Amino acid sequence: MKRAMALLMMAMFSMAVLSGCNTVAGAGKDVQKVGEKVEDKAQDCKDGRC
């Protein structure tokens, strides 16, 4: 019984860790896109099209 409970806990912990990695990766991509938009806008303003 203890072994089954330990396996269940390990499986739940693994799922939480893996889903957390996907969330952080998605957030990183979102931040990268925002950074690109800011760079584009800064370049436009630098060229006098602001």
PDB file of N, CA and C in Angstrom:
ATOM      1  N   MET A   1       0.820  -1.190   0.000  1.00  0.00           N
ATOM      2  CA  MET A   1       0.000   0.000   0.000  1.00  0.00           C
ATOM      3  C   MET A   1       0.871   1.263   0.000  1.00  0.00           C
ATOM      4  N   LYS A   2       1.945   1.228   0.793  1.00  0.00           N
ATOM      5  CA  LYS A   2       2.835   2.369   0.851  1.00  0.00           C
ATOM      6  C   LYS A   2       3.496   2.617  -0.508  1.00  0.00           C
ATOM      7  N   ARG A   3       3.835   1.534  -1.182  1.00  0.00           N
ATOM      8  CA  ARG A   3       4.489   1.656  -2.488  1.00  0.00           C
ATOM      9  C   ARG A   3       3.542   2.290  -3.503  1.00  0.00           C
ATOM     10  N   ALA A   4       2.282   1.881  -3.516  1.00  0.00           N
ATOM     11  CA  ALA A   4       1.294   2.448  -4.438  1.00  0.00           C
ATOM     12  C   ALA A   4       1.086   3.929  -4.147  1.00  0.00           C
ATOM     13  N   MET A   5       1.039   4.285  -2.882  1.00  0.00           N
ATOM     14  CA  MET A   5       0.860   5.681  -2.506  1.00  0.00           C
ATOM     15  C   MET A   5       2.080   6.511  -2.924  1.00  0.00           C
ATOM     16  N   ALA A   6       3.267   5.951  -2.763  1.00  0.00           N
ATOM     17  CA  ALA A   6       4.488   6.654  -3.154  1.00  0.00           C
ATOM     18  C   ALA A   6       4.516   6.858  -4.672  1.00  0.00           C
ATOM     19  N   LEU A   7       4.130   5.845  -5.424  1.00  0.00           N
ATOM     20  CA  LEU A   7       4.096   5.968  -6.884  1.00  0.00           C
ATOM     21  C   LEU A   7       3.073   7.009  -7.329  1.00  0.00           C
ATOM     22  N   LEU A   8       1.930   7.021  -6.677  1.00  0.00           N
ATOM     23  CA  LEU A   8       0.896   8.003  -6.992  1.00  0.00           C
ATOM     24  C   LEU A   8       1.394   9.422  -6.707  1.00  0.00           C
ATOM     25  N   MET A   9       2.044   9.606  -5.567  1.00  0.00           N
ATOM     26  CA  MET A   9       2.573  10.928  -5.217  1.00  0.00           C
ATOM     27  C   MET A   9       3.651  11.366  -6.206  1.00  0.00           C
ATOM     28  N   MET A  10       4.513  10.445  -6.619  1.00  0.00           N
ATOM     29  CA  MET A  10       5.560  10.777  -7.596  1.00  0.00           C
ATOM     30  C   MET A  10       4.953  11.151  -8.936  1.00  0.00           C
ATOM     31  N   ALA A  11       3.918  10.450  -9.340  1.00  0.00           N
ATOM     32  CA  ALA A  11       3.258  10.746 -10.605  1.00  0.00           C
ATOM     33  C   ALA A  11       2.602  12.124 -10.562  1.00  0.00           C
ATOM     34  N   MET A  12       1.947  12.442  -9.462  1.00  0.00           N
ATOM     35  CA  MET A  12       1.309  13.748  -9.333  1.00  0.00           C
ATOM     36  C   MET A  12       2.347  14.864  -9.314  1.00  0.00           C
ATOM     37  N   PHE A  13       3.454  14.661  -8.624  1.00  0.00           N
ATOM     38  CA  PHE A  13       4.525  15.657  -8.573  1.00  0.00           C
ATOM     39  C   PHE A  13       5.128  15.861  -9.957  1.00  0.00           C
ATOM     40  N   SER A  14       5.344  14.770 -10.684  1.00  0.00           N
ATOM     41  CA  SER A  14       5.916  14.861 -12.034  1.00  0.00           C
ATOM     42  C   SER A  14       4.992  15.639 -12.968  1.00  0.00           C
ATOM     43  N   MET A  15       3.693  15.386 -12.874  1.00  0.00           N
ATOM     44  CA  MET A  15       2.745  16.099 -13.726  1.00  0.00           C
ATOM     45  C   MET A  15       2.748  17.593 -13.404  1.00  0.00           C
ATOM     46  N   ALA A  16       2.833  17.939 -12.134  1.00  0.00           N
ATOM     47  CA  ALA A  16       2.852  19.345 -11.734  1.00  0.00           C
ATOM     48  C   ALA A  16       4.100  20.035 -12.256  1.00  0.00           C
ATOM     49  N   VAL A  17       5.239  19.373 -12.157  1.00  0.00           N
ATOM     50  CA  VAL A  17       6.501  19.956 -12.628  1.00  0.00           C
ATOM     51  C   VAL A  17       6.474  20.145 -14.139  1.00  0.00           C
ATOM     52  N   LEU A  18       6.008  19.149 -14.862  1.00  0.00           N
ATOM     53  CA  LEU A  18       5.984  19.236 -16.321  1.00  0.00           C
ATOM     54  C   LEU A  18       5.009  20.297 -16.811  1.00  0.00           C
ATOM     55  N   SER A  19       3.873  20.421 -16.186  1.00  0.00           N
ATOM     56  CA  SER A  19       2.924  21.452 -16.609  1.00  0.00           C
ATOM     57  C   SER A  19       3.467  22.834 -16.260  1.00  0.00           C
ATOM     58  N   GLY A  20       4.207  22.947 -15.176  1.00  0.00           N
ATOM     59  CA  GLY A  20       4.828  24.210 -14.812  1.00  0.00           C
ATOM     60  C   GLY A  20       5.856  24.638 -15.846  1.00  0.00           C
ATOM     61  N   CYS A  21       6.611  23.697 -16.378  1.00  0.00           N
ATOM     62  CA  CYS A  21       7.607  24.017 -17.409  1.00  0.00           C
ATOM     63  C   CYS A  21       6.927  24.562 -18.657  1.00  0.00           C
ATOM     64  N   ASN A  22       5.817  23.975 -19.043  1.00  0.00           N
ATOM     65  CA  ASN A  22       5.102  24.461 -20.220  1.00  0.00           C
ATOM     66  C   ASN A  22       4.575  25.868 -19.996  1.00  0.00           C
ATOM     67  N   THR A  23       4.117  26.138 -18.795  1.00  0.00           N
ATOM     68  CA  THR A  23       3.589  27.460 -18.477  1.00  0.00           C
ATOM     69  C   THR A  23       4.695  28.506 -18.546  1.00  0.00           C
ATOM     70  N   VAL A  24       5.841  28.196 -17.976  1.00  0.00           N
ATOM     71  CA  VAL A  24       6.968  29.135 -17.987  1.00  0.00           C
ATOM     72  C   VAL A  24       7.468  29.344 -19.409  1.00  0.00           C
ATOM     73  N   ALA A  25       7.515  28.285 -20.203  1.00  0.00           N
ATOM     74  CA  ALA A  25       7.958  28.425 -21.593  1.00  0.00           C
ATOM     75  C   ALA A  25       6.985  29.302 -22.373  1.00  0.00           C
ATOM     76  N   GLY A  26       5.705  29.130 -22.156  1.00  0.00           N
ATOM     77  CA  GLY A  26       4.699  29.955 -22.830  1.00  0.00           C
ATOM     78  C   GLY A  26       4.806  31.413 -22.423  1.00  0.00           C
ATOM     79  N   ALA A  27       5.044  31.647 -21.139  1.00  0.00           N
ATOM     80  CA  ALA A  27       5.195  33.026 -20.661  1.00  0.00           C
ATOM     81  C   ALA A  27       6.441  33.655 -21.268  1.00  0.00           C
ATOM     82  N   GLY A  28       7.495  32.896 -21.387  1.00  0.00           N
ATOM     83  CA  GLY A  28       8.727  33.408 -22.000  1.00  0.00           C
ATOM     84  C   GLY A  28       8.509  33.807 -23.449  1.00  0.00           C
ATOM     85  N   LYS A  29       7.742  33.032 -24.179  1.00  0.00           N
ATOM     86  CA  LYS A  29       7.441  33.375 -25.573  1.00  0.00           C
ATOM     87  C   LYS A  29       6.604  34.648 -25.653  1.00  0.00           C
ATOM     88  N   ASP A  30       5.661  34.804 -24.720  1.00  0.00           N
ATOM     89  CA  ASP A  30       4.831  36.013 -24.691  1.00  0.00           C
ATOM     90  C   ASP A  30       5.687  37.246 -24.420  1.00  0.00           C
ATOM     91  N   VAL A  31       6.585  37.137 -23.468  1.00  0.00           N
ATOM     92  CA  VAL A  31       7.461  38.262 -23.135  1.00  0.00           C
ATOM     93  C   VAL A  31       8.361  38.596 -24.321  1.00  0.00           C
ATOM     94  N   GLN A  32       8.828  37.584 -25.017  1.00  0.00           N
ATOM     95  CA  GLN A  32       9.681  37.801 -26.186  1.00  0.00           C
ATOM     96  C   GLN A  32       8.915  38.557 -27.270  1.00  0.00           C
ATOM     97  N   LYS A  33       7.671  38.196 -27.505  1.00  0.00           N
ATOM     98  CA  LYS A  33       6.855  38.887 -28.514  1.00  0.00           C
ATOM     99  C   LYS A  33       6.652  40.350 -28.141  1.00  0.00           C
ATOM    100  N   VAL A  34       6.391  40.609 -26.850  1.00  0.00           N
ATOM    101  CA  VAL A  34       6.209  41.985 -26.399  1.00  0.00           C
ATOM    102  C   VAL A  34       7.502  42.768 -26.619  1.00  0.00           C
ATOM    103  N   GLY A  35       8.631  42.164 -26.320  1.00  0.00           N
ATOM    104  CA  GLY A  35       9.917  42.818 -26.536  1.00  0.00           C
ATOM    105  C   GLY A  35      10.142  43.166 -27.997  1.00  0.00           C
ATOM    106  N   GLU A  36       9.750  42.276 -28.880  1.00  0.00           N
ATOM    107  CA  GLU A  36       9.894  42.541 -30.314  1.00  0.00           C
ATOM    108  C   GLU A  36       9.024  43.732 -30.730  1.00  0.00           C
ATOM    109  N   LYS A  37       7.811  43.799 -30.207  1.00  0.00           N
ATOM    110  CA  LYS A  37       6.917  44.926 -30.532  1.00  0.00           C
ATOM    111  C   LYS A  37       7.505  46.247 -30.034  1.00  0.00           C
ATOM    112  N   VAL A  38       8.079  46.234 -28.834  1.00  0.00           N
ATOM    113  CA  VAL A  38       8.696  47.439 -28.287  1.00  0.00           C
ATOM    114  C   VAL A  38       9.881  47.861 -29.156  1.00  0.00           C
ATOM    115  N   GLU A  39      10.682  46.897 -29.578  1.00  0.00           N
ATOM    116  CA  GLU A  39      11.819  47.209 -30.453  1.00  0.00           C
ATOM    117  C   GLU A  39      11.344  47.815 -31.772  1.00  0.00           C
ATOM    118  N   ASP A  40      10.288  47.250 -32.341  1.00  0.00           N
ATOM    119  CA  ASP A  40       9.756  47.774 -33.602  1.00  0.00           C
ATOM    120  C   ASP A  40       9.273  49.209 -33.431  1.00  0.00           C
ATOM    121  N   LYS A  41       8.569  49.482 -32.353  1.00  0.00           N
ATOM    122  CA  LYS A  41       8.045  50.822 -32.094  1.00  0.00           C
ATOM    123  C   LYS A  41       9.194  51.814 -31.857  1.00  0.00           C
ATOM    124  N   ALA A  42      10.212  51.370 -31.126  1.00  0.00           N
ATOM    125  CA  ALA A  42      11.370  52.241 -30.891  1.00  0.00           C
ATOM    126  C   ALA A  42      12.080  52.557 -32.197  1.00  0.00           C
ATOM    127  N   GLN A  43      12.179  51.586 -33.067  1.00  0.00           N
ATOM    128  CA  GLN A  43      12.818  51.821 -34.370  1.00  0.00           C
ATOM    129  C   GLN A  43      11.999  52.797 -35.209  1.00  0.00           C
ATOM    130  N   ASP A  44      10.660  52.654 -35.166  1.00  0.00           N
ATOM    131  CA  ASP A  44       9.789  53.570 -35.888  1.00  0.00           C
ATOM    132  C   ASP A  44       9.972  55.008 -35.384  1.00  0.00           C
ATOM    133  N   CYS A  45      10.035  55.169 -34.073  1.00  0.00           N
ATOM    134  CA  CYS A  45      10.209  56.505 -33.492  1.00  0.00           C
ATOM    135  C   CYS A  45      11.581  57.074 -33.839  1.00  0.00           C
ATOM    136  N   LYS A  46      12.565  56.212 -33.883  1.00  0.00           N
ATOM    137  CA  LYS A  46      13.919  56.650 -34.239  1.00  0.00           C
ATOM    138  C   LYS A  46      13.958  57.148 -35.682  1.00  0.00           C
ATOM    139  N   ASP A  47      13.160  56.537 -36.542  1.00  0.00           N
ATOM    140  CA  ASP A  47      13.102  56.929 -37.959  1.00  0.00           C
ATOM    141  C   ASP A  47      12.195  58.129 -38.183  1.00  0.00           C
ATOM    142  N   GLY A  48      11.564  58.637 -37.135  1.00  0.00           N
ATOM    143  CA  GLY A  48      10.700  59.815 -37.257  1.00  0.00           C
ATOM    144  C   GLY A  48       9.262  59.501 -37.619  1.00  0.00           C
ATOM    145  N   ARG A  49       8.855  58.259 -37.524  1.00  0.00           N
ATOM    146  CA  ARG A  49       7.478  57.873 -37.847  1.00  0.00           C
ATOM    147  C   ARG A  49       6.649  57.651 -36.590  1.00  0.00           C
ATOM    148  N   CYS A  50       7.020  58.278 -35.520  1.00  0.00           N
ATOM    149  CA  CYS A  50       6.375  58.047 -34.227  1.00  0.00           C
ATOM    150  C   CYS A  50       5.085  58.811 -34.081  1.00  0.00           C
TER     151      CYS A  50
END
